[in-house]
Amino acid sequence: MRILIVEDDPVLSEGLSVGLGLSGFTADAVATLGDARAALAGSDFAGLVLDLMLPDGSGLELLSEIRRGGSELPVLLLTARDQVRDRIEGLDAGADDYLGKPFDLHELAARLRAILRRAEGRAASVLRWNGLELDPSRMRGVFNGAPLSFSRREFAVLHALMERPGQILSKPALEERLYGWQEEIESNTVEVHVHHLRAKLGRGFIETVRGLGYRVAAEG
């Protein structure tokens, strides 16, 4: 899941990027409202982690702009723990959740997974399809009763496909899920990860739709 972090403290921003990466997210970070606007206009993100106190204004400005534009992008605010008014204003402005500083990275990742589930219309944390149970909190799966482990990027591809069973995802769309701005995209990376997943799940679990992309096979 591709996440945009808007945080001007470089140490915290780097820690968020690394920590969320270890939890299975692909995280990009910016430090200003201006850069955040440009990032949101140029890339497709699954969610936004937004600090309120930024060098060129308040994160509430960006949140209000996003909601006025009709976007339902899940937004988690980072606030000072003692600023109740900020939290109330943020929630009323359209934030999906908030977390007070300092915070635990595992809790942040769990809260992100929760608001992303709600955005997808799901209550259950585990995805189930054709005998596979996929647990995003642990980046592991159980297939027909047998436990499976995946690399971070194998999991990202499989998670993307299982979020919308039957929907075709193009190679560029999957690459968008796998790589942040600072990472070089290898030309055959999606094909390699699909090959590895088929070795674990069987060739028929993921279908290639020639010229369009990939999808998980229909239940049967």
Protein backbone atom coordinates (compact mmCIF):
# COMPACT_ATOMS: atom_id res chain seq x y z
CA MET A 1 0.00 0.00 0.00
CA ARG A 2 1.45 3.34 -1.09
CA ILE A 3 1.38 5.96 1.67
CA LEU A 4 2.34 9.65 1.59
CA ILE A 5 3.90 11.06 4.77
CA VAL A 6 3.78 14.84 5.29
CA GLU A 7 6.17 15.59 8.17
CA ASP A 8 8.84 18.30 8.39
CA ASP A 9 10.98 16.72 11.13
CA PRO A 10 13.59 14.80 9.08
CA VAL A 11 14.38 12.30 11.83
CA LEU A 12 10.71 11.47 12.43
CA SER A 13 10.00 11.41 8.69
CA GLU A 14 12.81 8.92 8.07
CA GLY A 15 11.70 6.79 11.00
CA LEU A 16 8.14 6.73 9.70
CA SER A 17 9.28 5.75 6.21
CA VAL A 18 11.48 2.92 7.46
CA GLY A 19 8.98 1.69 10.05
CA LEU A 20 6.04 1.63 7.66
CA GLY A 21 8.22 -0.08 5.07
CA LEU A 22 8.90 -2.89 7.54
CA SER A 23 5.12 -3.18 8.05
CA GLY A 24 4.52 -3.73 4.33
CA PHE A 25 3.77 -0.19 3.19
CA THR A 26 5.55 1.72 0.43
CA ALA A 27 6.12 5.14 1.96
CA ASP A 28 7.07 8.45 0.32
CA ALA A 29 7.71 11.54 2.43
CA VAL A 30 7.55 15.31 1.92
CA ALA A 31 8.07 18.17 4.37
CA THR A 32 5.76 20.97 3.17
CA LEU A 33 2.19 21.57 2.09
CA GLY A 34 3.40 22.64 -1.35
CA ASP A 35 5.30 19.40 -1.90
CA ALA A 36 2.34 17.41 -0.56
CA ARG A 37 -0.01 19.03 -3.07
CA ALA A 38 2.38 18.22 -5.91
CA ALA A 39 2.80 14.62 -4.71
CA LEU A 40 -0.94 14.03 -4.45
CA ALA A 41 -1.49 15.49 -7.90
CA GLY A 42 1.19 13.31 -9.49
CA SER A 43 0.85 9.93 -7.75
CA ASP A 44 -1.86 7.56 -6.56
CA PHE A 45 -1.67 6.98 -2.80
CA ALA A 46 -3.75 4.64 -0.68
CA GLY A 47 -3.48 6.85 2.40
CA LEU A 48 -1.99 9.99 3.92
CA VAL A 49 -0.14 10.49 7.22
CA LEU A 50 -0.37 14.24 7.87
CA ASP A 51 1.37 16.37 10.48
CA LEU A 52 -0.51 19.52 11.49
CA MET A 53 2.43 21.87 12.13
CA LEU A 54 4.27 22.42 8.85
CA PRO A 55 6.66 25.17 7.67
CA ASP A 56 4.23 26.67 5.16
CA GLY A 57 0.99 26.29 7.08
CA SER A 58 -1.30 23.87 8.88
CA GLY A 59 -2.01 20.36 7.72
CA LEU A 60 -5.67 21.20 8.26
CA GLU A 61 -5.47 23.43 5.17
CA LEU A 62 -4.46 20.46 3.05
CA LEU A 63 -7.05 18.21 4.66
CA SER A 64 -9.81 20.72 3.93
CA GLU A 65 -8.65 21.07 0.31
CA ILE A 66 -8.68 17.31 -0.15
CA ARG A 67 -12.22 16.96 1.18
CA ARG A 68 -13.55 19.99 -0.72
CA GLY A 69 -12.24 18.36 -3.89
CA GLY A 70 -14.34 15.27 -3.18
CA SER A 71 -11.42 12.96 -2.38
CA GLU A 72 -12.08 10.13 0.08
CA LEU A 73 -8.35 9.47 0.59
CA PRO A 74 -7.89 7.98 4.08
CA VAL A 75 -6.07 10.51 6.29
CA LEU A 76 -4.39 9.93 9.65
CA LEU A 77 -3.33 13.08 11.51
CA LEU A 78 -0.25 13.41 13.70
CA THR A 79 -0.94 15.82 16.54
CA ALA A 80 0.63 17.04 19.75
CA ARG A 81 -0.82 14.79 22.43
CA ASP A 82 -2.12 17.67 24.55
CA GLN A 83 -3.83 19.60 21.73
CA VAL A 84 -7.43 18.37 22.02
CA ARG A 85 -8.74 21.24 19.90
CA ASP A 86 -6.49 20.26 16.99
CA ARG A 87 -7.76 16.69 17.13
CA ILE A 88 -11.38 17.81 17.19
CA GLU A 89 -10.85 20.23 14.30
CA GLY A 90 -9.03 17.54 12.33
CA LEU A 91 -11.78 14.97 12.76
CA ASP A 92 -14.46 17.52 11.92
CA ALA A 93 -12.48 18.55 8.82
CA GLY A 94 -12.57 14.98 7.51
CA ALA A 95 -9.66 13.09 9.07
CA ASP A 96 -10.26 9.38 9.53
CA ASP A 97 -8.10 9.02 12.64
CA TYR A 98 -5.37 10.74 14.63
CA LEU A 99 -2.36 9.78 16.71
CA GLY A 100 -0.67 11.93 19.33
CA LYS A 101 3.08 12.39 19.44
CA PRO A 102 5.09 10.56 20.62
CA PHE A 103 3.57 7.35 19.28
CA ASP A 104 4.38 3.71 18.69
CA LEU A 105 5.12 2.76 15.07
CA HIS A 106 3.26 -0.53 15.41
CA GLU A 107 0.15 1.35 16.54
CA LEU A 108 0.51 3.77 13.63
CA ALA A 109 0.69 0.87 11.16
CA ALA A 110 -2.33 -0.80 12.76
CA ARG A 111 -4.36 2.42 12.61
CA LEU A 112 -3.43 2.86 8.95
CA ARG A 113 -4.52 -0.69 8.15
CA ALA A 114 -7.82 -0.03 9.94
CA ILE A 115 -8.70 3.17 8.06
CA LEU A 116 -7.65 1.59 4.75
CA ARG A 117 -9.94 -1.38 5.45
CA ARG A 118 -12.83 0.97 6.14
CA ALA A 119 -12.11 2.84 2.90
CA GLU A 120 -12.33 -0.47 1.04
CA GLY A 121 -15.61 -1.34 2.76
CA ARG A 122 -14.11 -4.22 4.74
CA ALA A 123 -14.40 -4.96 8.45
CA ALA A 124 -12.28 -8.11 8.61
CA SER A 125 -8.51 -7.69 8.73
CA VAL A 126 -7.80 -10.95 6.88
CA LEU A 127 -8.40 -11.23 3.12
CA ARG A 128 -9.79 -14.58 1.93
CA TRP A 129 -9.94 -15.87 -1.64
CA ASN A 130 -9.79 -19.33 -3.24
CA GLY A 131 -8.36 -21.07 -0.19
CA LEU A 132 -5.89 -18.32 0.70
CA GLU A 133 -6.09 -16.30 3.91
CA LEU A 134 -3.85 -13.23 3.76
CA ASP A 135 -2.99 -11.32 6.94
CA PRO A 136 -1.64 -7.81 6.22
CA SER A 137 -0.63 -7.24 9.85
CA ARG A 138 1.87 -10.10 9.68
CA MET A 139 2.53 -10.21 5.93
CA ARG A 140 1.84 -13.93 6.00
CA GLY A 141 -0.75 -16.26 4.57
CA VAL A 142 -2.37 -19.65 5.00
CA PHE A 143 -3.18 -21.54 1.80
CA ASN A 144 -5.45 -24.56 2.10
CA GLY A 145 -4.34 -24.92 5.71
CA ALA A 146 -0.59 -24.60 5.05
CA PRO A 147 1.30 -21.50 6.29
CA LEU A 148 3.08 -19.38 3.69
CA SER A 149 5.61 -16.57 3.94
CA PHE A 150 6.29 -13.91 1.33
CA SER A 151 8.90 -11.30 0.59
CA ARG A 152 7.72 -7.71 1.14
CA ARG A 153 7.19 -7.11 -2.57
CA GLU A 154 5.60 -10.50 -3.23
CA PHE A 155 3.14 -9.67 -0.49
CA ALA A 156 2.49 -6.21 -1.94
CA VAL A 157 1.59 -7.67 -5.35
CA LEU A 158 -0.66 -10.34 -3.86
CA HIS A 159 -2.32 -7.90 -1.47
CA ALA A 160 -3.08 -5.49 -4.32
CA LEU A 161 -4.70 -8.24 -6.39
CA MET A 162 -6.73 -9.64 -3.49
CA GLU A 163 -8.09 -6.26 -2.44
CA ARG A 164 -10.21 -6.25 -5.60
CA PRO A 165 -10.75 -9.83 -6.74
CA GLY A 166 -11.49 -10.08 -10.43
CA GLN A 167 -10.25 -6.57 -11.21
CA ILE A 168 -7.34 -6.38 -13.63
CA LEU A 169 -4.32 -4.44 -12.39
CA SER A 170 -1.81 -3.27 -14.97
CA LYS A 171 1.91 -3.66 -14.60
CA PRO A 172 2.38 0.11 -14.01
CA ALA A 173 -0.33 0.05 -11.32
CA LEU A 174 1.44 -2.78 -9.51
CA GLU A 175 4.81 -1.03 -9.86
CA GLU A 176 3.21 2.02 -8.23
CA ARG A 177 2.43 -0.17 -5.22
CA LEU A 178 5.94 -1.62 -5.06
CA TYR A 179 8.26 1.35 -5.42
CA GLY A 180 8.72 4.71 -3.79
CA TRP A 181 10.20 7.76 -5.49
CA GLN A 182 13.78 6.97 -4.52
CA GLU A 183 13.71 3.38 -5.72
CA GLU A 184 14.69 2.28 -9.21
CA ILE A 185 12.05 0.19 -10.96
CA GLU A 186 13.46 -2.95 -12.56
CA SER A 187 11.89 -3.75 -15.92
CA ASN A 188 10.71 -7.30 -15.10
CA THR A 189 10.11 -7.04 -11.37
CA VAL A 190 6.34 -7.61 -11.52
CA GLU A 191 6.76 -10.69 -13.72
CA VAL A 192 9.34 -12.10 -11.31
CA HIS A 193 7.12 -11.62 -8.26
CA VAL A 194 4.10 -13.12 -10.04
CA HIS A 195 6.25 -16.12 -11.00
CA HIS A 196 7.29 -16.62 -7.36
CA LEU A 197 3.70 -16.31 -6.17
CA ARG A 198 2.51 -18.88 -8.68
CA ALA A 199 5.19 -21.25 -7.42
CA LYS A 200 3.65 -20.97 -3.96
CA LEU A 201 -0.05 -20.80 -4.87
CA GLY A 202 -0.27 -22.70 -8.13
CA ARG A 203 -0.19 -21.33 -11.67
CA GLY A 204 -3.93 -20.80 -11.82
CA PHE A 205 -4.23 -18.55 -8.77
CA ILE A 206 -3.08 -15.43 -10.64
CA GLU A 207 -4.22 -14.96 -14.22
CA THR A 208 -2.40 -12.98 -16.90
CA VAL A 209 -4.78 -10.95 -19.05
CA ARG A 210 -2.73 -10.40 -22.17
CA GLY A 211 -2.05 -6.76 -22.91
CA LEU A 212 -3.84 -5.58 -19.76
CA GLY A 213 -2.27 -6.99 -16.61
CA TYR A 214 -3.04 -9.48 -13.85
CA ARG A 215 -5.93 -10.58 -11.64
CA VAL A 216 -6.68 -13.32 -9.18
CA ALA A 217 -8.71 -16.11 -10.74
CA ALA A 218 -12.44 -16.35 -10.11
CA GLU A 219 -13.48 -18.43 -7.14
CA GLY A 220 -14.13 -22.00 -7.96
